[in-house]
Amino acid sequence: MKQLIIMSVITNHEEKRLVSYKRIVGGPLASNTYIVYEGDEAFIVDAGVEPDKVLGAIREMGVKVRFIVLTHGHFDHVFYVSRLMDSLGARAYIHQADITVMRRSSIYGEQFYKEKFVEPASIEKVSDNDKLTLSNKEARIIHTPGHSPGSICIHIENLLFTGDTLFRGTIGRTDLPGGSEELMAQSLRKIAKLPQSTRVLPGHGHESTIGYELSSNYLFRKMIGLE
């Protein structure tokens, strides 16, 4: 499935271009990969989409990818991370708690991708409140366990990349190995405190906002105590 969607963040009062992103959809489970950029510098969120789609988009955009951030270790978000690292000369980050998840899940994922998973030769670890820099902007790591032990969200300006923690109209599963309903509730309460205008950019499906999900997402509301 070929789908490229490009969005820019603008303020309410002026047409000021800030951080932008391109969403690319692919892989056996229709995963989202995001290219987040300002000017000619970029980083990638998740690596479950076929590399030719991602690399083709990067060439068209004319940006230099500085790093890759993995929202969690499930195969449909990490499967091609080594290919992208090698092709782009970029480092990659994942939460320490999902290193083992990545190894186990991606072996299982080989039956979906019909090829061998190549584990990165090296990968850097991030923790809650770590900052990664894009140009002169900071991307903050928010540890959001629940779907997996090391799930994270990436918050930069008015964008929140939520992986499989929060979706438009629903939340991530907690019944997979390493999942926790209690931790999911804590994580959702954490991100519910962000401004309601914050754009929610999930690991699957279409974007939303914190405000929209607070008003209409029953499971989100239930988990944070509003239902």
Protein backbone atom coordinates (compact mmCIF):
# COMPACT_ATOMS: atom_id res chain seq x y z
CA MET A 1 0.00 0.00 0.00
CA LYS A 2 1.61 3.23 -1.14
CA GLN A 3 0.65 6.25 0.84
CA LEU A 4 2.60 9.42 1.53
CA ILE A 5 1.10 12.14 3.65
CA ILE A 6 2.86 15.40 4.45
CA MET A 7 1.83 17.83 7.13
CA SER A 8 3.23 21.02 8.64
CA VAL A 9 2.61 22.44 12.07
CA ILE A 10 1.39 26.05 12.07
CA THR A 11 0.46 28.39 14.88
CA ASN A 12 -3.08 29.65 15.37
CA HIS A 13 -2.10 33.25 14.74
CA GLU A 14 0.48 33.21 11.98
CA GLU A 15 1.57 31.08 9.05
CA LYS A 16 4.89 30.20 10.65
CA ARG A 17 6.45 26.95 9.52
CA LEU A 18 7.82 24.90 12.36
CA VAL A 19 8.67 21.20 12.45
CA SER A 20 7.06 19.18 9.64
CA TYR A 21 6.61 15.50 8.99
CA LYS A 22 5.87 13.00 6.27
CA ARG A 23 3.94 9.82 7.06
CA ILE A 24 4.69 6.67 5.08
CA VAL A 25 2.45 3.62 5.45
CA GLY A 26 3.61 0.09 4.72
CA GLY A 27 4.62 -3.32 5.97
CA PRO A 28 2.35 -6.32 6.58
CA LEU A 29 0.42 -4.57 9.37
CA ALA A 30 0.08 -1.12 7.74
CA SER A 31 2.55 0.52 10.09
CA ASN A 32 3.38 4.22 10.05
CA THR A 33 6.92 5.48 9.61
CA TYR A 34 7.39 9.22 10.04
CA ILE A 35 10.12 11.44 8.62
CA VAL A 36 10.26 14.44 10.94
CA TYR A 37 12.16 17.41 9.57
CA GLU A 38 13.07 21.04 9.84
CA GLY A 39 14.94 22.54 6.94
CA ASP A 40 17.29 19.90 5.57
CA GLU A 41 17.68 17.90 8.80
CA ALA A 42 15.43 15.01 9.78
CA PHE A 43 14.88 12.03 12.02
CA ILE A 44 12.77 8.92 11.52
CA VAL A 45 10.16 7.50 13.88
CA ASP A 46 9.85 3.69 13.58
CA ALA A 47 11.17 1.32 10.96
CA GLY A 48 8.49 -1.16 9.95
CA VAL A 49 7.89 0.19 6.44
CA GLU A 50 9.75 -1.14 3.40
CA PRO A 51 13.09 0.70 3.07
CA ASP A 52 12.62 1.54 -0.61
CA LYS A 53 9.54 3.61 0.25
CA VAL A 54 11.32 5.42 3.08
CA LEU A 55 14.57 6.01 1.23
CA GLY A 56 12.73 7.17 -1.87
CA ALA A 57 10.83 9.75 0.15
CA ILE A 58 14.03 10.95 1.80
CA ARG A 59 15.69 11.43 -1.58
CA GLU A 60 12.70 13.40 -2.86
CA MET A 61 12.71 15.59 0.24
CA GLY A 62 16.45 16.23 0.08
CA VAL A 63 16.95 15.89 3.83
CA LYS A 64 19.74 14.40 5.92
CA VAL A 65 18.48 11.88 8.48
CA ARG A 66 20.39 12.28 11.74
CA PHE A 67 18.85 9.45 13.75
CA ILE A 68 16.01 6.92 14.05
CA VAL A 69 13.78 6.57 17.12
CA LEU A 70 11.85 3.36 17.76
CA THR A 71 8.65 3.81 19.76
CA HIS A 72 8.85 0.19 20.93
CA GLY A 73 10.35 -3.15 20.03
CA HIS A 74 7.53 -4.96 18.22
CA PHE A 75 8.50 -6.28 14.81
CA ASP A 76 6.14 -4.07 12.81
CA HIS A 77 7.97 -0.99 14.13
CA VAL A 78 11.61 -2.15 14.08
CA PHE A 79 12.02 -4.75 11.34
CA TYR A 80 14.02 -2.62 8.90
CA VAL A 81 15.99 -0.54 11.38
CA SER A 82 19.35 -2.09 10.42
CA ARG A 83 18.73 -1.50 6.71
CA LEU A 84 17.86 2.14 7.34
CA MET A 85 20.84 2.67 9.65
CA ASP A 86 23.22 1.25 7.06
CA SER A 87 21.68 3.13 4.12
CA LEU A 88 21.51 6.47 5.91
CA GLY A 89 24.55 6.28 8.18
CA ALA A 90 22.21 7.11 11.06
CA ARG A 91 22.21 5.95 14.67
CA ALA A 92 19.08 4.51 16.27
CA TYR A 93 17.49 4.78 19.70
CA ILE A 94 15.20 2.49 21.70
CA HIS A 95 14.24 2.28 25.37
CA GLN A 96 16.41 -0.18 27.29
CA ALA A 97 13.35 -2.15 28.44
CA ASP A 98 12.43 -3.07 24.85
CA ILE A 99 15.78 -4.43 23.65
CA THR A 100 14.71 -8.00 24.46
CA VAL A 101 11.24 -7.31 23.05
CA MET A 102 12.83 -6.29 19.76
CA ARG A 103 14.92 -9.45 19.54
CA ARG A 104 12.08 -11.83 20.32
CA SER A 105 9.33 -10.07 18.42
CA SER A 106 11.30 -9.60 15.23
CA ILE A 107 12.15 -13.29 14.96
CA TYR A 108 8.40 -13.94 15.15
CA GLY A 109 7.88 -11.16 12.62
CA GLU A 110 9.94 -12.91 9.96
CA GLN A 111 6.87 -14.93 8.98
CA PHE A 112 5.06 -11.66 8.17
CA TYR A 113 7.92 -9.95 6.34
CA LYS A 114 9.10 -13.15 4.62
CA GLU A 115 12.76 -12.36 5.27
CA LYS A 116 15.32 -12.53 8.07
CA PHE A 117 15.45 -9.86 10.74
CA VAL A 118 18.89 -8.28 11.04
CA GLU A 119 19.55 -7.01 14.54
CA PRO A 120 21.43 -3.68 14.67
CA ALA A 121 25.13 -4.04 15.44
CA SER A 122 24.69 -1.24 17.95
CA ILE A 123 21.74 0.74 19.20
CA GLU A 124 21.56 3.57 21.70
CA LYS A 125 19.23 3.63 24.70
CA VAL A 126 16.88 6.39 25.76
CA SER A 127 15.07 6.98 29.04
CA ASP A 128 12.19 9.13 30.23
CA ASN A 129 12.77 12.87 29.67
CA ASP A 130 15.84 12.37 27.49
CA LYS A 131 16.20 15.02 24.78
CA LEU A 132 17.21 14.45 21.17
CA THR A 133 18.02 17.44 18.99
CA LEU A 134 16.72 18.17 15.49
CA SER A 135 18.35 21.31 14.14
CA ASN A 136 17.73 23.67 17.08
CA LYS A 137 14.58 21.88 18.32
CA GLU A 138 14.37 19.33 21.12
CA ALA A 139 12.44 16.07 20.89
CA ARG A 140 11.55 14.84 24.37
CA ILE A 141 11.26 11.16 25.18
CA ILE A 142 8.25 10.19 27.31
CA HIS A 143 8.39 6.65 28.71
CA THR A 144 4.90 5.19 28.27
CA PRO A 145 4.94 1.49 29.25
CA GLY A 146 1.78 -0.55 28.97
CA HIS A 147 1.73 -1.85 25.42
CA SER A 148 5.31 -3.01 26.01
CA PRO A 149 7.75 -2.36 28.88
CA GLY A 150 9.83 0.11 26.89
CA SER A 151 7.19 1.91 24.84
CA ILE A 152 7.91 5.60 24.40
CA CYS A 153 6.28 8.67 22.89
CA ILE A 154 8.31 11.40 21.20
CA HIS A 155 7.17 14.97 21.84
CA ILE A 156 8.50 17.78 19.66
CA GLU A 157 6.74 21.13 19.50
CA ASN A 158 3.05 20.35 18.96
CA LEU A 159 3.62 16.79 17.71
CA LEU A 160 3.36 13.62 19.78
CA PHE A 161 4.43 10.36 18.15
CA THR A 162 2.63 7.74 20.21
CA GLY A 163 3.60 4.40 18.69
CA ASP A 164 1.06 1.83 19.87
CA THR A 165 0.17 3.64 23.10
CA LEU A 166 -2.63 5.89 21.83
CA PHE A 167 -4.54 5.74 18.55
CA ARG A 168 -7.37 7.69 17.03
CA GLY A 169 -10.42 6.24 18.79
CA THR A 170 -8.68 3.56 20.83
CA ILE A 171 -5.58 2.63 22.83
CA GLY A 172 -2.82 0.06 22.50
CA ARG A 173 -3.21 -3.57 23.48
CA THR A 174 -2.01 -4.63 26.92
CA ASP A 175 -2.47 -8.39 26.52
CA LEU A 176 0.80 -9.07 24.69
CA PRO A 177 3.91 -10.31 26.55
CA GLY A 178 5.23 -7.47 28.70
CA GLY A 179 1.97 -5.54 28.50
CA SER A 180 0.31 -4.05 31.57
CA GLU A 181 -3.11 -2.44 31.93
CA GLU A 182 -2.00 -0.66 35.09
CA LEU A 183 1.08 0.82 33.43
CA MET A 184 -0.95 1.76 30.37
CA ALA A 185 -3.32 3.75 32.57
CA GLN A 186 -0.37 5.58 34.16
CA SER A 187 1.11 6.33 30.74
CA LEU A 188 -2.17 7.63 29.33
CA ARG A 189 -2.65 9.88 32.34
CA LYS A 190 0.80 11.29 31.68
CA ILE A 191 0.15 12.21 28.05
CA ALA A 192 -3.39 13.41 28.80
CA LYS A 193 -1.77 16.37 30.59
CA LEU A 194 -0.32 17.71 27.33
CA PRO A 195 -2.09 20.64 25.64
CA GLN A 196 -5.32 19.58 23.96
CA SER A 197 -4.06 20.95 20.64
CA THR A 198 -1.17 18.45 20.64
CA ARG A 199 -1.28 16.32 17.49
CA VAL A 200 -1.34 12.59 18.13
CA LEU A 201 0.61 10.68 15.46
CA PRO A 202 0.18 6.95 16.13
CA GLY A 203 2.01 3.85 14.95
CA HIS A 204 -1.01 2.79 12.87
CA GLY A 205 -3.87 4.75 11.38
CA HIS A 206 -4.56 8.45 11.14
CA GLU A 207 -3.66 11.40 13.30
CA SER A 208 -5.77 13.00 15.99
CA THR A 209 -5.31 15.45 18.85
CA ILE A 210 -5.18 15.04 22.60
CA GLY A 211 -8.33 17.15 22.90
CA TYR A 212 -10.27 15.04 20.40
CA GLU A 213 -9.30 11.82 22.13
CA LEU A 214 -10.19 13.22 25.55
CA SER A 215 -13.65 14.08 24.26
CA SER A 216 -14.41 10.99 22.17
CA ASN A 217 -12.11 8.05 22.90
CA TYR A 218 -13.99 5.89 25.41
CA LEU A 219 -11.08 3.62 26.33
CA PHE A 220 -8.71 6.57 26.76
CA ARG A 221 -11.24 8.32 28.97
CA LYS A 222 -11.92 5.15 30.97
CA MET A 223 -8.24 4.44 31.59
CA ILE A 224 -7.56 7.92 32.91
CA GLY A 225 -10.66 7.96 35.10
CA LEU A 226 -13.05 10.14 33.11
CA GLU A 227 -15.63 7.37 32.59
